[in-house]
């Protein structure tokens, strides 16, 4: 037992944010089998819920799937809510066995709003070899800003995996880490971004594996990786429109 207050003790705005996050996280879990990133009940998605209007803090909450529940059984109501120490606040089932790892990431990486873990085949194969996926594709430069790194071996059950994720990704541009002998964990500004990273890391792991069966791969120069990453992150796609400045407007 803990002294953690139940979700009912939180302000209405926080409870409403939790309800929205439960819907988002339940929906995003369906993307994992859709992209063939998981089997049976393995894998999980979580999203941070900010408690303070001033921004992320150690008082935030997270929404994650319950442990051992098949994907076709998941609903917004079945999602569980925990604090960032992994204590259960609301839910009828036990949280995912990876909750401690997710919680550690949120506590130590305030910019992270979503975390995903899968055992996708090709990314996990690289993790089994303890080998980073080398940046030999422009897609990798775009998405990961370099190699997909390998994290340390860690046992499930406490925050050891979370520590390995944070240690590996702190200072890295990659939103993905391959935890040795385990599999990929990805982060993002929200759960959707973390799911995208999980899809992309499996795609590049598969492509680079196939390329190596054909022969040596060709590395991309660091300057080109930097250029590709900057363009993709800040120029590619639909950028927010600049605010209008009345003093610059003229008669038409």
C-alpha atoms as a PDB file:
ATOM      1  CA  UNK A   1       0.000   0.000   0.000  1.00  0.00           C
ATOM      2  CA  UNK A   2       1.078   3.571  -0.649  1.00  0.00           C
ATOM      3  CA  UNK A   3      -0.055   6.994   0.460  1.00  0.00           C
ATOM      4  CA  UNK A   4      -0.541   8.072  -3.164  1.00  0.00           C
ATOM      5  CA  UNK A   5      -3.862   9.920  -3.545  1.00  0.00           C
ATOM      6  CA  UNK A   6      -6.497   8.404  -5.812  1.00  0.00           C
ATOM      7  CA  UNK A   7      -7.204  10.103  -9.122  1.00  0.00           C
ATOM      8  CA  UNK A   8     -10.402  11.567  -7.660  1.00  0.00           C
ATOM      9  CA  UNK A   9      -8.251  13.854  -5.498  1.00  0.00           C
ATOM     10  CA  UNK A  10      -6.857  15.629  -8.567  1.00  0.00           C
ATOM     11  CA  UNK A  11      -8.433  18.782 -10.064  1.00  0.00           C
ATOM     12  CA  UNK A  12     -11.109  18.339 -12.759  1.00  0.00           C
ATOM     13  CA  UNK A  13      -8.760  19.603 -15.481  1.00  0.00           C
ATOM     14  CA  UNK A  14      -6.269  16.832 -14.663  1.00  0.00           C
ATOM     15  CA  UNK A  15      -8.984  14.164 -14.626  1.00  0.00           C
ATOM     16  CA  UNK A  16     -10.209  15.401 -18.000  1.00  0.00           C
ATOM     17  CA  UNK A  17      -6.667  15.247 -19.378  1.00  0.00           C
ATOM     18  CA  UNK A  18      -6.359  11.686 -18.062  1.00  0.00           C
ATOM     19  CA  UNK A  19      -9.596  10.703 -19.818  1.00  0.00           C
ATOM     20  CA  UNK A  20      -8.290  12.111 -23.111  1.00  0.00           C
ATOM     21  CA  UNK A  21      -4.964  10.332 -22.654  1.00  0.00           C
ATOM     22  CA  UNK A  22      -6.718   7.024 -22.018  1.00  0.00           C
ATOM     23  CA  UNK A  23      -8.522   7.356 -25.342  1.00  0.00           C
ATOM     24  CA  UNK A  24      -5.307   8.261 -27.172  1.00  0.00           C
ATOM     25  CA  UNK A  25      -3.241   5.476 -25.601  1.00  0.00           C
ATOM     26  CA  UNK A  26      -5.933   2.844 -26.228  1.00  0.00           C
ATOM     27  CA  UNK A  27      -6.179   3.885 -29.878  1.00  0.00           C
ATOM     28  CA  UNK A  28      -2.417   3.946 -30.386  1.00  0.00           C
ATOM     29  CA  UNK A  29      -1.991   0.425 -29.042  1.00  0.00           C
ATOM     30  CA  UNK A  30      -3.873  -0.769 -32.122  1.00  0.00           C
ATOM     31  CA  UNK A  31      -1.034   0.622 -34.262  1.00  0.00           C
ATOM     32  CA  UNK A  32       1.462  -1.873 -32.798  1.00  0.00           C
ATOM     33  CA  UNK A  33      -0.113  -5.070 -34.229  1.00  0.00           C
ATOM     34  CA  UNK A  34      -1.133  -3.143 -37.354  1.00  0.00           C
ATOM     35  CA  UNK A  35       2.556  -2.508 -38.136  1.00  0.00           C
ATOM     36  CA  UNK A  36       3.526  -6.006 -36.927  1.00  0.00           C
ATOM     37  CA  UNK A  37       5.625  -4.686 -34.062  1.00  0.00           C
ATOM     38  CA  UNK A  38       4.260  -7.008 -31.356  1.00  0.00           C
ATOM     39  CA  UNK A  39       3.035 -10.530 -30.727  1.00  0.00           C
ATOM     40  CA  UNK A  40       0.458 -11.684 -28.181  1.00  0.00           C
ATOM     41  CA  UNK A  41       0.443  -9.175 -25.282  1.00  0.00           C
ATOM     42  CA  UNK A  42       4.059  -7.959 -25.561  1.00  0.00           C
ATOM     43  CA  UNK A  43       4.700  -4.244 -26.012  1.00  0.00           C
ATOM     44  CA  UNK A  44       3.177  -1.100 -24.556  1.00  0.00           C
ATOM     45  CA  UNK A  45       2.458   2.585 -25.142  1.00  0.00           C
ATOM     46  CA  UNK A  46       2.282   5.263 -22.469  1.00  0.00           C
ATOM     47  CA  UNK A  47       1.627   8.990 -22.382  1.00  0.00           C
ATOM     48  CA  UNK A  48       2.475  11.644 -19.827  1.00  0.00           C
ATOM     49  CA  UNK A  49      -0.345  13.687 -18.283  1.00  0.00           C
ATOM     50  CA  UNK A  50       0.848  17.046 -17.002  1.00  0.00           C
ATOM     51  CA  UNK A  51      -0.533  18.008 -13.605  1.00  0.00           C
ATOM     52  CA  UNK A  52       0.860  21.537 -13.419  1.00  0.00           C
ATOM     53  CA  UNK A  53      -0.169  24.175 -15.981  1.00  0.00           C
ATOM     54  CA  UNK A  54       3.423  25.439 -15.786  1.00  0.00           C
ATOM     55  CA  UNK A  55       4.792  22.379 -17.592  1.00  0.00           C
ATOM     56  CA  UNK A  56       6.166  18.883 -16.926  1.00  0.00           C
ATOM     57  CA  UNK A  57       7.071  17.997 -13.350  1.00  0.00           C
ATOM     58  CA  UNK A  58       7.693  15.071 -11.036  1.00  0.00           C
ATOM     59  CA  UNK A  59       4.024  15.301 -10.022  1.00  0.00           C
ATOM     60  CA  UNK A  60       2.822  14.278 -13.487  1.00  0.00           C
ATOM     61  CA  UNK A  61       0.924  11.070 -14.201  1.00  0.00           C
ATOM     62  CA  UNK A  62       1.164   8.459 -16.928  1.00  0.00           C
ATOM     63  CA  UNK A  63      -1.398   6.330 -18.728  1.00  0.00           C
ATOM     64  CA  UNK A  64      -0.291   2.857 -19.848  1.00  0.00           C
ATOM     65  CA  UNK A  65      -1.782  -0.506 -20.805  1.00  0.00           C
ATOM     66  CA  UNK A  66      -2.509  -3.151 -18.180  1.00  0.00           C
ATOM     67  CA  UNK A  67      -0.238  -6.173 -17.961  1.00  0.00           C
ATOM     68  CA  UNK A  68      -1.030  -9.333 -19.914  1.00  0.00           C
ATOM     69  CA  UNK A  69      -4.126  -8.056 -21.739  1.00  0.00           C
ATOM     70  CA  UNK A  70      -4.506  -8.841 -25.457  1.00  0.00           C
ATOM     71  CA  UNK A  71      -4.706  -5.939 -27.868  1.00  0.00           C
ATOM     72  CA  UNK A  72      -8.271  -6.635 -28.981  1.00  0.00           C
ATOM     73  CA  UNK A  73      -9.409  -6.325 -25.349  1.00  0.00           C
ATOM     74  CA  UNK A  74      -7.932  -2.870 -24.823  1.00  0.00           C
ATOM     75  CA  UNK A  75     -10.335   0.033 -24.329  1.00  0.00           C
ATOM     76  CA  UNK A  76      -9.903   3.537 -22.870  1.00  0.00           C
ATOM     77  CA  UNK A  77     -11.492   2.249 -19.665  1.00  0.00           C
ATOM     78  CA  UNK A  78      -9.014  -0.614 -19.375  1.00  0.00           C
ATOM     79  CA  UNK A  79      -5.999   1.707 -19.446  1.00  0.00           C
ATOM     80  CA  UNK A  80      -4.355   2.237 -16.066  1.00  0.00           C
ATOM     81  CA  UNK A  81      -3.166   5.484 -14.516  1.00  0.00           C
ATOM     82  CA  UNK A  82       0.000   5.722 -12.412  1.00  0.00           C
ATOM     83  CA  UNK A  83       2.110   8.423 -10.846  1.00  0.00           C
ATOM     84  CA  UNK A  84       5.737   8.832 -11.886  1.00  0.00           C
ATOM     85  CA  UNK A  85       6.872   6.452  -9.157  1.00  0.00           C
ATOM     86  CA  UNK A  86       4.804   3.728 -10.821  1.00  0.00           C
ATOM     87  CA  UNK A  87       2.097   3.668  -8.148  1.00  0.00           C
ATOM     88  CA  UNK A  88      -1.350   2.710  -9.442  1.00  0.00           C
ATOM     89  CA  UNK A  89      -3.903   5.521  -9.110  1.00  0.00           C
ATOM     90  CA  UNK A  90      -6.763   4.164 -11.153  1.00  0.00           C
ATOM     91  CA  UNK A  91      -7.494   0.934 -12.981  1.00  0.00           C
ATOM     92  CA  UNK A  92      -8.838  -2.529 -12.279  1.00  0.00           C
ATOM     93  CA  UNK A  93      -5.741  -4.389 -13.497  1.00  0.00           C
ATOM     94  CA  UNK A  94      -2.039  -4.318 -12.725  1.00  0.00           C
ATOM     95  CA  UNK A  95       0.031  -1.911 -14.850  1.00  0.00           C
ATOM     96  CA  UNK A  96       2.388  -3.141 -17.545  1.00  0.00           C
ATOM     97  CA  UNK A  97       5.560  -4.789 -16.251  1.00  0.00           C
ATOM     98  CA  UNK A  98       7.482  -2.007 -18.024  1.00  0.00           C
ATOM     99  CA  UNK A  99       5.773   0.777 -16.057  1.00  0.00           C
ATOM    100  CA  UNK A 100       8.830   1.438 -13.864  1.00  0.00           C
ATOM    101  CA  UNK A 101      10.950   2.007 -16.986  1.00  0.00           C
ATOM    102  CA  UNK A 102       8.412   4.396 -18.511  1.00  0.00           C
ATOM    103  CA  UNK A 103       8.053   6.277 -15.223  1.00  0.00           C
ATOM    104  CA  UNK A 104      11.831   6.678 -14.874  1.00  0.00           C
ATOM    105  CA  UNK A 105      12.044   8.162 -18.367  1.00  0.00           C
ATOM    106  CA  UNK A 106       9.305  10.682 -17.600  1.00  0.00           C
ATOM    107  CA  UNK A 107      10.926  11.664 -14.305  1.00  0.00           C
ATOM    108  CA  UNK A 108      14.327  12.286 -15.872  1.00  0.00           C
ATOM    109  CA  UNK A 109      13.427  13.532 -19.364  1.00  0.00           C
ATOM    110  CA  UNK A 110      10.824  16.286 -18.939  1.00  0.00           C
ATOM    111  CA  UNK A 111      10.595  16.904 -22.690  1.00  0.00           C
ATOM    112  CA  UNK A 112       9.322  13.351 -23.253  1.00  0.00           C
ATOM    113  CA  UNK A 113       5.547  12.991 -23.459  1.00  0.00           C
ATOM    114  CA  UNK A 114       5.279   9.444 -24.811  1.00  0.00           C
ATOM    115  CA  UNK A 115       7.167   6.152 -24.474  1.00  0.00           C
ATOM    116  CA  UNK A 116       6.758   2.931 -26.486  1.00  0.00           C
ATOM    117  CA  UNK A 117       8.280  -0.511 -26.094  1.00  0.00           C
ATOM    118  CA  UNK A 118       8.002  -3.344 -28.625  1.00  0.00           C
ATOM    119  CA  UNK A 119       9.787  -6.565 -29.502  1.00  0.00           C
ATOM    120  CA  UNK A 120       9.653  -5.913 -33.244  1.00  0.00           C
ATOM    121  CA  UNK A 121      11.614  -8.585 -35.079  1.00  0.00           C
ATOM    122  CA  UNK A 122      14.422  -6.780 -36.869  1.00  0.00           C
ATOM    123  CA  UNK A 123      15.097  -4.109 -34.235  1.00  0.00           C
ATOM    124  CA  UNK A 124      15.161  -6.797 -31.568  1.00  0.00           C
ATOM    125  CA  UNK A 125      17.566  -8.868 -33.689  1.00  0.00           C
ATOM    126  CA  UNK A 126      20.026  -5.936 -33.661  1.00  0.00           C
ATOM    127  CA  UNK A 127      19.507  -5.688 -29.882  1.00  0.00           C
ATOM    128  CA  UNK A 128      20.331  -9.394 -29.554  1.00  0.00           C
ATOM    129  CA  UNK A 129      23.634  -8.719 -31.333  1.00  0.00           C
ATOM    130  CA  UNK A 130      24.323  -5.678 -29.157  1.00  0.00           C
ATOM    131  CA  UNK A 131      24.983  -3.710 -32.322  1.00  0.00           C
ATOM    132  CA  UNK A 132      23.790  -0.193 -33.230  1.00  0.00           C
ATOM    133  CA  UNK A 133      21.958   0.192 -36.529  1.00  0.00           C
ATOM    134  CA  UNK A 134      24.405   2.298 -38.592  1.00  0.00           C
ATOM    135  CA  UNK A 135      23.190   5.455 -40.284  1.00  0.00           C
ATOM    136  CA  UNK A 136      23.431   4.392 -43.921  1.00  0.00           C
ATOM    137  CA  UNK A 137      20.022   5.687 -45.080  1.00  0.00           C
ATOM    138  CA  UNK A 138      18.844   9.255 -45.529  1.00  0.00           C
ATOM    139  CA  UNK A 139      15.649   8.187 -43.722  1.00  0.00           C
ATOM    140  CA  UNK A 140      17.791   7.373 -40.687  1.00  0.00           C
ATOM    141  CA  UNK A 141      19.506  10.752 -40.831  1.00  0.00           C
ATOM    142  CA  UNK A 142      16.070  12.389 -41.028  1.00  0.00           C
ATOM    143  CA  UNK A 143      14.425  10.487 -38.212  1.00  0.00           C
ATOM    144  CA  UNK A 144      17.267   9.527 -35.872  1.00  0.00           C
ATOM    145  CA  UNK A 145      20.046  12.015 -36.595  1.00  0.00           C
ATOM    146  CA  UNK A 146      22.591   9.213 -36.754  1.00  0.00           C
ATOM    147  CA  UNK A 147      22.928   5.587 -35.676  1.00  0.00           C
ATOM    148  CA  UNK A 148      20.235   3.921 -33.586  1.00  0.00           C
ATOM    149  CA  UNK A 149      22.183   3.320 -30.353  1.00  0.00           C
ATOM    150  CA  UNK A 150      22.461   0.241 -28.166  1.00  0.00           C
ATOM    151  CA  UNK A 151      21.572   0.526 -24.492  1.00  0.00           C
ATOM    152  CA  UNK A 152      22.913  -1.669 -21.678  1.00  0.00           C
ATOM    153  CA  UNK A 153      21.554  -5.021 -20.569  1.00  0.00           C
ATOM    154  CA  UNK A 154      19.048  -4.603 -17.740  1.00  0.00           C
ATOM    155  CA  UNK A 155      16.578  -6.859 -15.959  1.00  0.00           C
ATOM    156  CA  UNK A 156      12.843  -6.198 -15.843  1.00  0.00           C
ATOM    157  CA  UNK A 157      11.212  -5.469 -12.506  1.00  0.00           C
ATOM    158  CA  UNK A 158      12.625  -2.128 -11.367  1.00  0.00           C
ATOM    159  CA  UNK A 159      13.823   1.073 -13.025  1.00  0.00           C
ATOM    160  CA  UNK A 160      17.077  -0.432 -14.375  1.00  0.00           C
ATOM    161  CA  UNK A 161      15.752  -0.390 -17.929  1.00  0.00           C
ATOM    162  CA  UNK A 162      14.627   3.205 -17.511  1.00  0.00           C
ATOM    163  CA  UNK A 163      18.082   4.189 -16.310  1.00  0.00           C
ATOM    164  CA  UNK A 164      19.623   2.557 -19.360  1.00  0.00           C
ATOM    165  CA  UNK A 165      17.235   4.363 -21.695  1.00  0.00           C
ATOM    166  CA  UNK A 166      17.944   7.754 -20.132  1.00  0.00           C
ATOM    167  CA  UNK A 167      21.708   7.228 -20.013  1.00  0.00           C
ATOM    168  CA  UNK A 168      21.780   6.216 -23.677  1.00  0.00           C
ATOM    169  CA  UNK A 169      19.422   8.819 -25.104  1.00  0.00           C
ATOM    170  CA  UNK A 170      20.509  11.825 -23.017  1.00  0.00           C
ATOM    171  CA  UNK A 171      22.425  14.026 -25.418  1.00  0.00           C
ATOM    172  CA  UNK A 172      21.436  11.831 -28.384  1.00  0.00           C
ATOM    173  CA  UNK A 173      19.224  12.934 -31.269  1.00  0.00           C
ATOM    174  CA  UNK A 174      17.799   9.447 -31.624  1.00  0.00           C
ATOM    175  CA  UNK A 175      14.260   8.865 -30.321  1.00  0.00           C
ATOM    176  CA  UNK A 176      15.006   5.124 -30.211  1.00  0.00           C
ATOM    177  CA  UNK A 177      17.334   2.899 -28.219  1.00  0.00           C
ATOM    178  CA  UNK A 178      17.860  -0.839 -28.627  1.00  0.00           C
ATOM    179  CA  UNK A 179      18.216  -2.260 -25.132  1.00  0.00           C
ATOM    180  CA  UNK A 180      20.711  -5.100 -25.384  1.00  0.00           C
ATOM    181  CA  UNK A 181      19.176  -8.596 -25.459  1.00  0.00           C
ATOM    182  CA  UNK A 182      15.746  -7.026 -25.009  1.00  0.00           C
ATOM    183  CA  UNK A 183      14.388  -4.771 -27.736  1.00  0.00           C
ATOM    184  CA  UNK A 184      13.544  -1.220 -28.803  1.00  0.00           C
ATOM    185  CA  UNK A 185      12.224   1.591 -26.623  1.00  0.00           C
ATOM    186  CA  UNK A 186      11.215   4.862 -28.265  1.00  0.00           C
ATOM    187  CA  UNK A 187      10.360   8.314 -26.971  1.00  0.00           C
ATOM    188  CA  UNK A 188       8.529  11.317 -28.381  1.00  0.00           C
ATOM    189  CA  UNK A 189       6.894  14.615 -27.552  1.00  0.00           C
ATOM    190  CA  UNK A 190       3.697  12.573 -27.155  1.00  0.00           C
ATOM    191  CA  UNK A 191       2.627   8.953 -27.512  1.00  0.00           C
ATOM    192  CA  UNK A 192       1.873   9.295 -31.230  1.00  0.00           C
ATOM    193  CA  UNK A 193       5.414  10.515 -31.941  1.00  0.00           C
ATOM    194  CA  UNK A 194       6.849   7.626 -29.915  1.00  0.00           C
ATOM    195  CA  UNK A 195       4.726   5.142 -31.889  1.00  0.00           C
ATOM    196  CA  UNK A 196       5.980   6.663 -35.146  1.00  0.00           C
ATOM    197  CA  UNK A 197       9.558   6.209 -33.928  1.00  0.00           C
ATOM    198  CA  UNK A 198       8.797   2.553 -33.106  1.00  0.00           C
ATOM    199  CA  UNK A 199       7.477   1.994 -36.630  1.00  0.00           C
ATOM    200  CA  UNK A 200      10.456   3.749 -38.199  1.00  0.00           C
ATOM    201  CA  UNK A 201      13.123   1.968 -36.144  1.00  0.00           C
ATOM    202  CA  UNK A 202      11.759  -1.402 -37.228  1.00  0.00           C
ATOM    203  CA  UNK A 203      11.715  -0.279 -40.877  1.00  0.00           C
ATOM    204  CA  UNK A 204      15.327   0.900 -40.885  1.00  0.00           C
ATOM    205  CA  UNK A 205      16.508  -2.118 -38.893  1.00  0.00           C
ATOM    206  CA  UNK A 206      14.934  -4.390 -41.515  1.00  0.00           C
ATOM    207  CA  UNK A 207      16.263  -2.426 -44.485  1.00  0.00           C
ATOM    208  CA  UNK A 208      19.825  -2.201 -43.187  1.00  0.00           C
ATOM    209  CA  UNK A 209      19.799  -5.910 -42.338  1.00  0.00           C
ATOM    210  CA  UNK A 210      18.770  -6.758 -45.905  1.00  0.00           C
ATOM    211  CA  UNK A 211      21.367  -4.359 -47.322  1.00  0.00           C
ATOM    212  CA  UNK A 212      24.119  -6.090 -45.347  1.00  0.00           C
ATOM    213  CA  UNK A 213      23.141  -9.432 -46.835  1.00  0.00           C
ATOM    214  CA  UNK A 214      23.964  -7.931 -50.248  1.00  0.00           C
ATOM    215  CA  UNK A 215      27.371  -6.599 -49.211  1.00  0.00           C
ATOM    216  CA  UNK A 216      28.968  -3.671 -47.457  1.00  0.00           C
ATOM    217  CA  UNK A 217      26.812  -0.657 -46.706  1.00  0.00           C
ATOM    218  CA  UNK A 218      27.918   2.890 -47.488  1.00  0.00           C
ATOM    219  CA  UNK A 219      28.074   5.306 -44.526  1.00  0.00           C
ATOM    220  CA  UNK A 220      26.726   8.835 -44.828  1.00  0.00           C
ATOM    221  CA  UNK A 221      29.117  11.668 -43.982  1.00  0.00           C
ATOM    222  CA  UNK A 222      28.386  13.361 -40.632  1.00  0.00           C
ATOM    223  CA  UNK A 223      27.934  16.779 -42.269  1.00  0.00           C
ATOM    224  CA  UNK A 224      25.278  15.318 -44.572  1.00  0.00           C
ATOM    225  CA  UNK A 225      23.564  13.588 -41.643  1.00  0.00           C
ATOM    226  CA  UNK A 226      23.436  16.911 -39.807  1.00  0.00           C
ATOM    227  CA  UNK A 227      22.027  18.690 -42.857  1.00  0.00           C
ATOM    228  CA  UNK A 228      19.397  16.044 -43.506  1.00  0.00           C
ATOM    229  CA  UNK A 229      18.338  15.976 -39.844  1.00  0.00           C
ATOM    230  CA  UNK A 230      18.026  19.762 -39.627  1.00  0.00           C
ATOM    231  CA  UNK A 231      15.944  19.956 -42.789  1.00  0.00           C
ATOM    232  CA  UNK A 232      13.617  17.131 -41.832  1.00  0.00           C
ATOM    233  CA  UNK A 233      13.078  18.345 -38.284  1.00  0.00           C
ATOM    234  CA  UNK A 234      12.617  22.043 -39.084  1.00  0.00           C
ATOM    235  CA  UNK A 235      11.632  22.435 -42.746  1.00  0.00           C
ATOM    236  CA  UNK A 236       9.949  19.243 -43.983  1.00  0.00           C
ATOM    237  CA  UNK A 237       6.152  18.979 -43.844  1.00  0.00           C
ATOM    238  CA  UNK A 238       3.586  21.520 -42.782  1.00  0.00           C
ATOM    239  CA  UNK A 239       5.173  24.200 -40.633  1.00  0.00           C
ATOM    240  CA  UNK A 240       3.101  26.590 -38.487  1.00  0.00           C
ATOM    241  CA  UNK A 241       2.241  29.805 -40.285  1.00  0.00           C
ATOM    242  CA  UNK A 242       4.093  32.900 -39.120  1.00  0.00           C
ATOM    243  CA  UNK A 243       1.884  35.311 -37.175  1.00  0.00           C
ATOM    244  CA  UNK A 244       0.634  38.283 -39.121  1.00  0.00           C
ATOM    245  CA  UNK A 245       2.219  41.670 -38.418  1.00  0.00           C
ATOM    246  CA  UNK A 246      -0.313  44.443 -39.100  1.00  0.00           C
ATOM    247  CA  UNK A 247       2.438  46.949 -39.682  1.00  0.00           C
ATOM    248  CA  UNK A 248       3.635  44.872 -42.653  1.00  0.00           C
ATOM    249  CA  UNK A 249       0.225  44.643 -44.326  1.00  0.00           C
ATOM    250  CA  UNK A 250      -0.511  46.775 -47.377  1.00  0.00           C
ATOM    251  CA  UNK A 251      -3.648  47.622 -49.379  1.00  0.00           C
ATOM    252  CA  UNK A 252      -4.652  44.977 -51.930  1.00  0.00           C
END
